[in-house]
């Protein structure tokens, strides 16, 4: 069995999706999901039988959802400004917490 370029693109889409399930960082996960979705859109558009519009539509919806969530993550991260004490506590004790999670914990503790 020989693989065509289109086959490789299809496999790449699923491989990127699988990789996105493996990573722990939510930003990286969503970025991989976006790339996988865009590659999947390309694959489903250029099929020899013609575009599969239902699949293209839903992949596009998922790409849009992930893009909106990435924007939210970026805005959340930009809004956080630790003072010196909070920064030291985050880096020494709560390093496994994302800055957003740590700030939420700090607010609950106030």
PDB file of N, CA and C in Angstrom:
ATOM      1  N   UNK A   1       0.843  -1.176   0.000  1.00  0.00           N
ATOM      2  CA  UNK A   1       0.000   0.000   0.000  1.00  0.00           C
ATOM      3  C   UNK A   1       0.893   1.245   0.000  1.00  0.00           C
ATOM      4  N   UNK A   2       0.671   2.114  -0.927  1.00  0.00           N
ATOM      5  CA  UNK A   2       1.457   3.344  -0.974  1.00  0.00           C
ATOM      6  C   UNK A   2       0.601   4.512  -0.483  1.00  0.00           C
ATOM      7  N   UNK A   3       1.234   5.385   0.244  1.00  0.00           N
ATOM      8  CA  UNK A   3       0.541   6.548   0.775  1.00  0.00           C
ATOM      9  C   UNK A   3       0.650   7.714  -0.196  1.00  0.00           C
ATOM     10  N   UNK A   4      -0.458   8.363  -0.407  1.00  0.00           N
ATOM     11  CA  UNK A   4      -0.447   9.591  -1.192  1.00  0.00           C
ATOM     12  C   UNK A   4      -0.196  10.764  -0.241  1.00  0.00           C
ATOM     13  N   UNK A   5       0.057  11.919  -0.804  1.00  0.00           N
ATOM     14  CA  UNK A   5       0.229  13.113   0.016  1.00  0.00           C
ATOM     15  C   UNK A   5      -1.033  13.382   0.834  1.00  0.00           C
ATOM     16  N   UNK A   6      -2.189  13.151   0.229  1.00  0.00           N
ATOM     17  CA  UNK A   6      -3.448  13.357   0.931  1.00  0.00           C
ATOM     18  C   UNK A   6      -3.575  12.402   2.117  1.00  0.00           C
ATOM     19  N   UNK A   7      -3.140  11.151   1.952  1.00  0.00           N
ATOM     20  CA  UNK A   7      -3.147  10.195   3.063  1.00  0.00           C
ATOM     21  C   UNK A   7      -2.266  10.690   4.212  1.00  0.00           C
ATOM     22  N   UNK A   8      -1.104  11.195   3.871  1.00  0.00           N
ATOM     23  CA  UNK A   8      -0.176  11.705   4.892  1.00  0.00           C
ATOM     24  C   UNK A   8      -0.814  12.871   5.645  1.00  0.00           C
ATOM     25  N   UNK A   9      -1.499  13.748   4.924  1.00  0.00           N
ATOM     26  CA  UNK A   9      -2.179  14.882   5.555  1.00  0.00           C
ATOM     27  C   UNK A   9      -3.258  14.379   6.512  1.00  0.00           C
ATOM     28  N   UNK A  10      -4.034  13.390   6.085  1.00  0.00           N
ATOM     29  CA  UNK A  10      -5.065  12.817   6.948  1.00  0.00           C
ATOM     30  C   UNK A  10      -4.481  12.201   8.203  1.00  0.00           C
ATOM     31  N   UNK A  11      -3.406  11.434   8.046  1.00  0.00           N
ATOM     32  CA  UNK A  11      -2.750  10.834   9.209  1.00  0.00           C
ATOM     33  C   UNK A  11      -2.165  11.909  10.123  1.00  0.00           C
ATOM     34  N   UNK A  12      -1.613  12.960   9.539  1.00  0.00           N
ATOM     35  CA  UNK A  12      -1.036  14.051  10.334  1.00  0.00           C
ATOM     36  C   UNK A  12      -2.102  14.714  11.202  1.00  0.00           C
ATOM     37  N   UNK A  13      -3.297  14.879  10.648  1.00  0.00           N
ATOM     38  CA  UNK A  13      -4.384  15.479  11.407  1.00  0.00           C
ATOM     39  C   UNK A  13      -4.703  14.654  12.649  1.00  0.00           C
ATOM     40  N   UNK A  14      -4.815  13.351  12.473  1.00  0.00           N
ATOM     41  CA  UNK A  14      -5.131  12.490  13.616  1.00  0.00           C
ATOM     42  C   UNK A  14      -3.954  12.380  14.582  1.00  0.00           C
ATOM     43  N   UNK A  15      -2.738  12.384  14.071  1.00  0.00           N
ATOM     44  CA  UNK A  15      -1.562  12.328  14.935  1.00  0.00           C
ATOM     45  C   UNK A  15      -1.477  13.581  15.808  1.00  0.00           C
ATOM     46  N   UNK A  16      -1.740  14.731  15.217  1.00  0.00           N
ATOM     47  CA  UNK A  16      -1.745  15.977  15.987  1.00  0.00           C
ATOM     48  C   UNK A  16      -2.852  15.973  17.041  1.00  0.00           C
ATOM     49  N   UNK A  17      -4.002  15.416  16.694  1.00  0.00           N
ATOM     50  CA  UNK A  17      -5.094  15.300  17.665  1.00  0.00           C
ATOM     51  C   UNK A  17      -4.670  14.415  18.830  1.00  0.00           C
ATOM     52  N   UNK A  18      -4.063  13.270  18.518  1.00  0.00           N
ATOM     53  CA  UNK A  18      -3.594  12.363  19.572  1.00  0.00           C
ATOM     54  C   UNK A  18      -2.555  13.050  20.450  1.00  0.00           C
ATOM     55  N   UNK A  19      -1.651  13.785  19.835  1.00  0.00           N
ATOM     56  CA  UNK A  19      -0.624  14.497  20.589  1.00  0.00           C
ATOM     57  C   UNK A  19      -1.247  15.550  21.505  1.00  0.00           C
ATOM     58  N   UNK A  20      -2.307  16.192  21.042  1.00  0.00           N
ATOM     59  CA  UNK A  20      -2.966  17.203  21.874  1.00  0.00           C
ATOM     60  C   UNK A  20      -3.577  16.577  23.125  1.00  0.00           C
ATOM     61  N   UNK A  21      -4.003  15.321  23.047  1.00  0.00           N
ATOM     62  CA  UNK A  21      -4.539  14.640  24.227  1.00  0.00           C
ATOM     63  C   UNK A  21      -3.441  14.303  25.232  1.00  0.00           C
ATOM     64  N   UNK A  22      -2.212  14.248  24.786  1.00  0.00           N
ATOM     65  CA  UNK A  22      -1.101  13.831  25.628  1.00  0.00           C
ATOM     66  C   UNK A  22      -0.506  14.972  26.454  1.00  0.00           C
ATOM     67  N   UNK A  23      -0.492  16.170  25.897  1.00  0.00           N
ATOM     68  CA  UNK A  23       0.182  17.281  26.576  1.00  0.00           C
ATOM     69  C   UNK A  23      -0.631  17.775  27.765  1.00  0.00           C
ATOM     70  N   UNK A  24       0.064  18.352  28.735  1.00  0.00           N
ATOM     71  CA  UNK A  24      -0.588  18.826  29.957  1.00  0.00           C
ATOM     72  C   UNK A  24      -0.920  20.316  29.910  1.00  0.00           C
ATOM     73  N   UNK A  25      -0.134  21.075  29.189  1.00  0.00           N
ATOM     74  CA  UNK A  25      -0.337  22.520  29.131  1.00  0.00           C
ATOM     75  C   UNK A  25      -1.546  22.831  28.256  1.00  0.00           C
ATOM     76  N   UNK A  26      -2.526  23.513  28.834  1.00  0.00           N
ATOM     77  CA  UNK A  26      -3.782  23.772  28.128  1.00  0.00           C
ATOM     78  C   UNK A  26      -3.583  24.629  26.881  1.00  0.00           C
ATOM     79  N   UNK A  27      -2.648  25.564  26.932  1.00  0.00           N
ATOM     80  CA  UNK A  27      -2.391  26.413  25.762  1.00  0.00           C
ATOM     81  C   UNK A  27      -1.831  25.576  24.615  1.00  0.00           C
ATOM     82  N   UNK A  28      -0.880  24.701  24.925  1.00  0.00           N
ATOM     83  CA  UNK A  28      -0.291  23.838  23.899  1.00  0.00           C
ATOM     84  C   UNK A  28      -1.340  22.868  23.371  1.00  0.00           C
ATOM     85  N   UNK A  29      -2.143  22.307  24.271  1.00  0.00           N
ATOM     86  CA  UNK A  29      -3.206  21.389  23.860  1.00  0.00           C
ATOM     87  C   UNK A  29      -4.133  22.064  22.853  1.00  0.00           C
ATOM     88  N   UNK A  30      -4.583  23.242  23.180  1.00  0.00           N
ATOM     89  CA  UNK A  30      -5.522  23.937  22.292  1.00  0.00           C
ATOM     90  C   UNK A  30      -4.857  24.356  20.979  1.00  0.00           C
ATOM     91  N   UNK A  31      -3.602  24.754  21.035  1.00  0.00           N
ATOM     92  CA  UNK A  31      -2.888  25.110  19.802  1.00  0.00           C
ATOM     93  C   UNK A  31      -2.743  23.891  18.895  1.00  0.00           C
ATOM     94  N   UNK A  32      -2.392  22.748  19.477  1.00  0.00           N
ATOM     95  CA  UNK A  32      -2.304  21.516  18.681  1.00  0.00           C
ATOM     96  C   UNK A  32      -3.665  21.131  18.116  1.00  0.00           C
ATOM     97  N   UNK A  33      -4.710  21.300  18.909  1.00  0.00           N
ATOM     98  CA  UNK A  33      -6.058  20.984  18.434  1.00  0.00           C
ATOM     99  C   UNK A  33      -6.452  21.885  17.262  1.00  0.00           C
ATOM    100  N   UNK A  34      -6.049  23.141  17.312  1.00  0.00           N
ATOM    101  CA  UNK A  34      -6.337  24.060  16.208  1.00  0.00           C
ATOM    102  C   UNK A  34      -5.601  23.621  14.945  1.00  0.00           C
ATOM    103  N   UNK A  35      -4.318  23.327  15.080  1.00  0.00           N
ATOM    104  CA  UNK A  35      -3.539  22.891  13.909  1.00  0.00           C
ATOM    105  C   UNK A  35      -4.114  21.592  13.356  1.00  0.00           C
ATOM    106  N   UNK A  36      -4.447  20.650  14.244  1.00  0.00           N
ATOM    107  CA  UNK A  36      -5.036  19.378  13.802  1.00  0.00           C
ATOM    108  C   UNK A  36      -6.348  19.621  13.065  1.00  0.00           C
ATOM    109  N   UNK A  37      -7.166  20.519  13.594  1.00  0.00           N
ATOM    110  CA  UNK A  37      -8.437  20.830  12.946  1.00  0.00           C
ATOM    111  C   UNK A  37      -8.253  21.457  11.576  1.00  0.00           C
ATOM    112  N   UNK A  38      -7.302  22.369  11.464  1.00  0.00           N
ATOM    113  CA  UNK A  38      -7.049  23.012  10.170  1.00  0.00           C
ATOM    114  C   UNK A  38      -6.504  22.017   9.150  1.00  0.00           C
ATOM    115  N   UNK A  39      -5.621  21.136   9.604  1.00  0.00           N
ATOM    116  CA  UNK A  39      -5.112  20.091   8.704  1.00  0.00           C
ATOM    117  C   UNK A  39      -6.261  19.170   8.297  1.00  0.00           C
ATOM    118  N   UNK A  40      -7.136  18.847   9.247  1.00  0.00           N
ATOM    119  CA  UNK A  40      -8.305  18.019   8.948  1.00  0.00           C
ATOM    120  C   UNK A  40      -9.251  18.684   7.958  1.00  0.00           C
ATOM    121  N   UNK A  41      -9.414  19.992   8.083  1.00  0.00           N
ATOM    122  CA  UNK A  41     -10.245  20.728   7.117  1.00  0.00           C
ATOM    123  C   UNK A  41      -9.648  20.598   5.726  1.00  0.00           C
ATOM    124  N   UNK A  42      -8.341  20.794   5.629  1.00  0.00           N
ATOM    125  CA  UNK A  42      -7.675  20.646   4.327  1.00  0.00           C
ATOM    126  C   UNK A  42      -7.851  19.256   3.752  1.00  0.00           C
ATOM    127  N   UNK A  43      -7.657  18.253   4.584  1.00  0.00           N
ATOM    128  CA  UNK A  43      -7.814  16.867   4.131  1.00  0.00           C
ATOM    129  C   UNK A  43      -9.232  16.615   3.621  1.00  0.00           C
ATOM    130  N   UNK A  44     -10.222  17.021   4.400  1.00  0.00           N
ATOM    131  CA  UNK A  44     -11.611  16.750   4.029  1.00  0.00           C
ATOM    132  C   UNK A  44     -12.095  17.612   2.872  1.00  0.00           C
ATOM    133  N   UNK A  45     -11.403  18.689   2.586  1.00  0.00           N
ATOM    134  CA  UNK A  45     -11.767  19.512   1.438  1.00  0.00           C
ATOM    135  C   UNK A  45     -11.253  18.908   0.135  1.00  0.00           C
ATOM    136  N   UNK A  46     -10.035  18.377   0.159  1.00  0.00           N
ATOM    137  CA  UNK A  46      -9.408  17.899  -1.072  1.00  0.00           C
ATOM    138  C   UNK A  46      -9.560  16.402  -1.308  1.00  0.00           C
ATOM    139  N   UNK A  47     -10.533  15.779  -0.709  1.00  0.00           N
ATOM    140  CA  UNK A  47     -10.770  14.357  -0.969  1.00  0.00           C
ATOM    141  C   UNK A  47     -11.147  14.147  -2.434  1.00  0.00           C
ATOM    142  N   UNK A  48     -10.751  13.027  -3.020  1.00  0.00           N
ATOM    143  CA  UNK A  48     -11.087  12.757  -4.427  1.00  0.00           C
ATOM    144  C   UNK A  48     -12.595  12.743  -4.699  1.00  0.00           C
ATOM    145  N   UNK A  49     -13.391  12.359  -3.708  1.00  0.00           N
ATOM    146  CA  UNK A  49     -14.847  12.313  -3.899  1.00  0.00           C
ATOM    147  C   UNK A  49     -15.493  13.680  -3.735  1.00  0.00           C
ATOM    148  N   UNK A  50     -14.704  14.660  -3.347  1.00  0.00           N
ATOM    149  CA  UNK A  50     -15.220  16.004  -3.131  1.00  0.00           C
ATOM    150  C   UNK A  50     -15.218  16.346  -1.654  1.00  0.00           C
ATOM    151  N   UNK A  51     -15.427  17.603  -1.341  1.00  0.00           N
ATOM    152  CA  UNK A  51     -15.383  18.046   0.057  1.00  0.00           C
ATOM    153  C   UNK A  51     -16.478  17.402   0.906  1.00  0.00           C
ATOM    154  N   UNK A  52     -16.121  17.064   2.131  1.00  0.00           N
ATOM    155  CA  UNK A  52     -17.091  16.571   3.111  1.00  0.00           C
ATOM    156  C   UNK A  52     -17.476  17.759   3.997  1.00  0.00           C
ATOM    157  N   UNK A  53     -18.530  18.459   3.594  1.00  0.00           N
ATOM    158  CA  UNK A  53     -18.875  19.722   4.231  1.00  0.00           C
ATOM    159  C   UNK A  53     -19.299  19.574   5.680  1.00  0.00           C
ATOM    160  N   UNK A  54     -19.955  18.486   6.029  1.00  0.00           N
ATOM    161  CA  UNK A  54     -20.360  18.280   7.418  1.00  0.00           C
ATOM    162  C   UNK A  54     -19.130  18.213   8.325  1.00  0.00           C
ATOM    163  N   UNK A  55     -18.144  17.437   7.921  1.00  0.00           N
ATOM    164  CA  UNK A  55     -16.905  17.303   8.696  1.00  0.00           C
ATOM    165  C   UNK A  55     -16.160  18.636   8.739  1.00  0.00           C
ATOM    166  N   UNK A  56     -16.083  19.307   7.606  1.00  0.00           N
ATOM    167  CA  UNK A  56     -15.399  20.605   7.542  1.00  0.00           C
ATOM    168  C   UNK A  56     -16.073  21.614   8.473  1.00  0.00           C
ATOM    169  N   UNK A  57     -17.405  21.615   8.480  1.00  0.00           N
ATOM    170  CA  UNK A  57     -18.145  22.525   9.355  1.00  0.00           C
ATOM    171  C   UNK A  57     -17.788  22.284  10.819  1.00  0.00           C
ATOM    172  N   UNK A  58     -17.867  21.017  11.252  1.00  0.00           N
ATOM    173  CA  UNK A  58     -17.624  20.727  12.669  1.00  0.00           C
ATOM    174  C   UNK A  58     -16.170  20.920  13.064  1.00  0.00           C
ATOM    175  N   UNK A  59     -15.248  20.595  12.195  1.00  0.00           N
ATOM    176  CA  UNK A  59     -13.842  20.872  12.500  1.00  0.00           C
ATOM    177  C   UNK A  59     -13.620  22.374  12.643  1.00  0.00           C
ATOM    178  N   UNK A  60     -14.284  23.153  11.799  1.00  0.00           N
ATOM    179  CA  UNK A  60     -14.172  24.614  11.884  1.00  0.00           C
ATOM    180  C   UNK A  60     -14.759  25.150  13.186  1.00  0.00           C
ATOM    181  N   UNK A  61     -15.860  24.563  13.631  1.00  0.00           N
ATOM    182  CA  UNK A  61     -16.451  24.957  14.916  1.00  0.00           C
ATOM    183  C   UNK A  61     -15.463  24.687  16.050  1.00  0.00           C
ATOM    184  N   UNK A  62     -14.840  23.503  16.036  1.00  0.00           N
ATOM    185  CA  UNK A  62     -13.880  23.160  17.087  1.00  0.00           C
ATOM    186  C   UNK A  62     -12.650  24.063  17.045  1.00  0.00           C
ATOM    187  N   UNK A  63     -12.204  24.418  15.852  1.00  0.00           N
ATOM    188  CA  UNK A  63     -11.078  25.351  15.720  1.00  0.00           C
ATOM    189  C   UNK A  63     -11.459  26.698  16.335  1.00  0.00           C
ATOM    190  N   UNK A  64     -12.661  27.171  16.037  1.00  0.00           N
ATOM    191  CA  UNK A  64     -13.113  28.460  16.570  1.00  0.00           C
ATOM    192  C   UNK A  64     -13.222  28.418  18.096  1.00  0.00           C
ATOM    193  N   UNK A  65     -13.773  27.344  18.639  1.00  0.00           N
ATOM    194  CA  UNK A  65     -13.892  27.212  20.098  1.00  0.00           C
ATOM    195  C   UNK A  65     -12.512  27.254  20.750  1.00  0.00           C
ATOM    196  N   UNK A  66     -11.575  26.498  20.202  1.00  0.00           N
ATOM    197  CA  UNK A  66     -10.229  26.475  20.774  1.00  0.00           C
ATOM    198  C   UNK A  66      -9.540  27.828  20.645  1.00  0.00           C
ATOM    199  N   UNK A  67      -9.777  28.529  19.551  1.00  0.00           N
ATOM    200  CA  UNK A  67      -9.187  29.860  19.373  1.00  0.00           C
ATOM    201  C   UNK A  67      -9.731  30.832  20.420  1.00  0.00           C
ATOM    202  N   UNK A  68     -11.026  30.785  20.660  1.00  0.00           N
ATOM    203  CA  UNK A  68     -11.634  31.654  21.671  1.00  0.00           C
ATOM    204  C   UNK A  68     -11.078  31.324  23.055  1.00  0.00           C
ATOM    205  N   UNK A  69     -10.927  30.043  23.353  1.00  0.00           N
ATOM    206  CA  UNK A  69     -10.391  29.640  24.662  1.00  0.00           C
ATOM    207  C   UNK A  69      -8.927  30.070  24.821  1.00  0.00           C
ATOM    208  N   UNK A  70      -8.142  30.011  23.738  1.00  0.00           N
ATOM    209  CA  UNK A  70      -6.752  30.483  23.811  1.00  0.00           C
ATOM    210  C   UNK A  70      -6.722  31.978  24.111  1.00  0.00           C
ATOM    211  N   UNK A  71      -7.591  32.731  23.471  1.00  0.00           N
ATOM    212  CA  UNK A  71      -7.669  34.170  23.748  1.00  0.00           C
ATOM    213  C   UNK A  71      -7.993  34.397  25.222  1.00  0.00           C
ATOM    214  N   UNK A  72      -8.921  33.614  25.762  1.00  0.00           N
ATOM    215  CA  UNK A  72      -9.263  33.721  27.182  1.00  0.00           C
ATOM    216  C   UNK A  72      -8.085  33.409  28.086  1.00  0.00           C
ATOM    217  N   UNK A  73      -7.330  32.373  27.751  1.00  0.00           N
ATOM    218  CA  UNK A  73      -6.154  32.001  28.549  1.00  0.00           C
ATOM    219  C   UNK A  73      -5.120  33.125  28.518  1.00  0.00           C
ATOM    220  N   UNK A  74      -4.876  33.667  27.329  1.00  0.00           N
ATOM    221  CA  UNK A  74      -3.897  34.757  27.199  1.00  0.00           C
ATOM    222  C   UNK A  74      -4.335  35.972  28.012  1.00  0.00           C
ATOM    223  N   UNK A  75      -5.606  36.323  27.931  1.00  0.00           N
ATOM    224  CA  UNK A  75      -6.102  37.475  28.687  1.00  0.00           C
ATOM    225  C   UNK A  75      -6.015  37.225  30.186  1.00  0.00           C
ATOM    226  N   UNK A  76      -6.335  36.000  30.630  1.00  0.00           N
ATOM    227  CA  UNK A  76      -6.211  35.660  32.053  1.00  0.00           C
ATOM    228  C   UNK A  76      -4.771  35.783  32.518  1.00  0.00           C
ATOM    229  N   UNK A  77      -3.852  35.278  31.728  1.00  0.00           N
ATOM    230  CA  UNK A  77      -2.437  35.299  32.118  1.00  0.00           C
ATOM    231  C   UNK A  77      -1.881  36.720  32.145  1.00  0.00           C
ATOM    232  N   UNK A  78      -2.352  37.553  31.247  1.00  0.00           N
ATOM    233  CA  UNK A  78      -1.865  38.939  31.208  1.00  0.00           C
ATOM    234  C   UNK A  78      -2.396  39.752  32.379  1.00  0.00           C
ATOM    235  N   UNK A  79      -3.550  39.360  32.910  1.00  0.00           N
ATOM    236  CA  UNK A  79      -4.181  40.118  33.984  1.00  0.00           C
ATOM    237  C   UNK A  79      -3.551  39.832  35.347  1.00  0.00           C
ATOM    238  N   UNK A  80      -2.692  38.831  35.438  1.00  0.00           N
ATOM    239  CA  UNK A  80      -2.112  38.436  36.718  1.00  0.00           C
ATOM    240  C   UNK A  80      -0.814  39.200  36.958  1.00  0.00           C
ATOM    241  N   UNK A  81      -0.751  39.810  38.117  1.00  0.00           N
ATOM    242  CA  UNK A  81       0.447  40.552  38.503  1.00  0.00           C
ATOM    243  C   UNK A  81       0.742  40.224  39.962  1.00  0.00           C
ATOM    244  N   UNK A  82       1.644  39.274  40.184  1.00  0.00           N
ATOM    245  CA  UNK A  82       2.000  38.873  41.539  1.00  0.00           C
ATOM    246  C   UNK A  82       2.883  39.932  42.191  1.00  0.00           C
ATOM    247  N   UNK A  83       2.662  40.126  43.502  1.00  0.00           N
ATOM    248  CA  UNK A  83       3.640  40.920  44.237  1.00  0.00           C
ATOM    249  C   UNK A  83       4.819  39.999  44.560  1.00  0.00           C
ATOM    250  N   UNK A  84       5.845  40.538  45.200  1.00  0.00           N
ATOM    251  CA  UNK A  84       7.065  39.760  45.439  1.00  0.00           C
ATOM    252  C   UNK A  84       6.794  38.520  46.299  1.00  0.00           C
ATOM    253  N   UNK A  85       5.978  38.678  47.328  1.00  0.00           N
ATOM    254  CA  UNK A  85       5.665  37.561  48.234  1.00  0.00           C
ATOM    255  C   UNK A  85       4.874  36.469  47.507  1.00  0.00           C
ATOM    256  N   UNK A  86       3.873  36.878  46.733  1.00  0.00           N
ATOM    257  CA  UNK A  86       3.072  35.906  45.979  1.00  0.00           C
ATOM    258  C   UNK A  86       3.917  35.182  44.940  1.00  0.00           C
ATOM    259  N   UNK A  87       4.789  35.919  44.299  1.00  0.00           N
ATOM    260  CA  UNK A  87       5.655  35.318  43.283  1.00  0.00           C
ATOM    261  C   UNK A  87       6.565  34.261  43.897  1.00  0.00           C
ATOM    262  N   UNK A  88       7.151  34.578  45.045  1.00  0.00           N
ATOM    263  CA  UNK A  88       8.028  33.613  45.721  1.00  0.00           C
ATOM    264  C   UNK A  88       7.248  32.380  46.167  1.00  0.00           C
ATOM    265  N   UNK A  89       6.057  32.581  46.720  1.00  0.00           N
ATOM    266  CA  UNK A  89       5.219  31.467  47.163  1.00  0.00           C
ATOM    267  C   UNK A  89       4.823  30.577  45.988  1.00  0.00           C
ATOM    268  N   UNK A  90       4.470  31.197  44.879  1.00  0.00           N
ATOM    269  CA  UNK A  90       4.093  30.425  43.690  1.00  0.00           C
ATOM    270  C   UNK A  90       5.267  29.603  43.176  1.00  0.00           C
ATOM    271  N   UNK A  91       6.435  30.203  43.118  1.00  0.00           N
ATOM    272  CA  UNK A  91       7.614  29.524  42.569  1.00  0.00           C
ATOM    273  C   UNK A  91       8.160  28.434  43.484  1.00  0.00           C
ATOM    274  N   UNK A  92       7.982  28.583  44.804  1.00  0.00           N
ATOM    275  CA  UNK A  92       8.576  27.609  45.727  1.00  0.00           C
ATOM    276  C   UNK A  92       7.616  26.514  46.167  1.00  0.00           C
ATOM    277  N   UNK A  93       6.362  26.854  46.406  1.00  0.00           N
ATOM    278  CA  UNK A  93       5.425  25.879  46.966  1.00  0.00           C
ATOM    279  C   UNK A  93       4.378  25.426  45.955  1.00  0.00           C
ATOM    280  N   UNK A  94       3.894  26.332  45.147  1.00  0.00           N
ATOM    281  CA  UNK A  94       2.769  26.040  44.259  1.00  0.00           C
ATOM    282  C   UNK A  94       3.170  26.047  42.785  1.00  0.00           C
ATOM    283  N   UNK A  95       4.374  25.596  42.469  1.00  0.00           N
ATOM    284  CA  UNK A  95       4.859  25.649  41.092  1.00  0.00           C
ATOM    285  C   UNK A  95       4.041  24.785  40.137  1.00  0.00           C
ATOM    286  N   UNK A  96       3.331  23.783  40.652  1.00  0.00           N
ATOM    287  CA  UNK A  96       2.505  22.946  39.768  1.00  0.00           C
ATOM    288  C   UNK A  96       1.193  23.630  39.394  1.00  0.00           C
ATOM    289  N   UNK A  97       0.851  24.683  40.111  1.00  0.00           N
ATOM    290  CA  UNK A  97      -0.348  25.450  39.795  1.00  0.00           C
ATOM    291  C   UNK A  97      -0.024  26.431  38.675  1.00  0.00           C
ATOM    292  N   UNK A  98      -0.957  26.597  37.764  1.00  0.00           N
ATOM    293  CA  UNK A  98      -0.782  27.665  36.779  1.00  0.00           C
ATOM    294  C   UNK A  98      -0.928  28.997  37.513  1.00  0.00           C
ATOM    295  N   UNK A  99      -0.406  30.078  36.950  1.00  0.00           N
ATOM    296  CA  UNK A  99      -0.578  31.380  37.611  1.00  0.00           C
ATOM    297  C   UNK A  99      -2.049  31.719  37.875  1.00  0.00           C
ATOM    298  N   UNK A 100      -2.923  31.361  36.951  1.00  0.00           N
ATOM    299  CA  UNK A 100      -4.355  31.633  37.127  1.00  0.00           C
ATOM    300  C   UNK A 100      -4.903  30.823  38.296  1.00  0.00           C
ATOM    301  N   UNK A 101      -4.561  29.537  38.359  1.00  0.00           N
ATOM    302  CA  UNK A 101      -5.038  28.689  39.459  1.00  0.00           C
ATOM    303  C   UNK A 101      -4.514  29.197  40.804  1.00  0.00           C
ATOM    304  N   UNK A 102      -3.253  29.583  40.826  1.00  0.00           N
ATOM    305  CA  UNK A 102      -2.663  30.086  42.064  1.00  0.00           C
ATOM    306  C   UNK A 102      -3.351  31.371  42.509  1.00  0.00           C
ATOM    307  N   UNK A 103      -3.627  32.263  41.586  1.00  0.00           N
ATOM    308  CA  UNK A 103      -4.288  33.519  41.942  1.00  0.00           C
ATOM    309  C   UNK A 103      -5.700  33.255  42.464  1.00  0.00           C
ATOM    310  N   UNK A 104      -6.395  32.290  41.876  1.00  0.00           N
ATOM    311  CA  UNK A 104      -7.731  31.932  42.382  1.00  0.00           C
ATOM    312  C   UNK A 104      -7.632  31.410  43.810  1.00  0.00           C
ATOM    313  N   UNK A 105      -6.626  30.581  44.081  1.00  0.00           N
ATOM    314  CA  UNK A 105      -6.410  30.060  45.426  1.00  0.00           C
ATOM    315  C   UNK A 105      -6.105  31.198  46.401  1.00  0.00           C
ATOM    316  N   UNK A 106      -5.305  32.134  45.979  1.00  0.00           N
ATOM    317  CA  UNK A 106      -4.972  33.276  46.833  1.00  0.00           C
ATOM    318  C   UNK A 106      -6.222  34.099  47.156  1.00  0.00           C
ATOM    319  N   UNK A 107      -7.090  34.261  46.191  1.00  0.00           N
ATOM    320  CA  UNK A 107      -8.322  35.030  46.424  1.00  0.00           C
ATOM    321  C   UNK A 107      -9.237  34.319  47.407  1.00  0.00           C
ATOM    322  N   UNK A 108      -9.311  32.987  47.317  1.00  0.00           N
ATOM    323  CA  UNK A 108     -10.150  32.220  48.238  1.00  0.00           C
ATOM    324  C   UNK A 108      -9.600  32.327  49.659  1.00  0.00           C
ATOM    325  N   UNK A 109      -8.278  32.361  49.776  1.00  0.00           N
ATOM    326  CA  UNK A 109      -7.641  32.420  51.086  1.00  0.00           C
ATOM    327  C   UNK A 109      -7.698  33.782  51.759  1.00  0.00           C
ATOM    328  N   UNK A 110      -8.127  34.794  51.052  1.00  0.00           N
ATOM    329  CA  UNK A 110      -8.168  36.148  51.636  1.00  0.00           C
ATOM    330  C   UNK A 110      -9.323  36.315  52.592  1.00  0.00           C
TER     331      UNK A 110
END
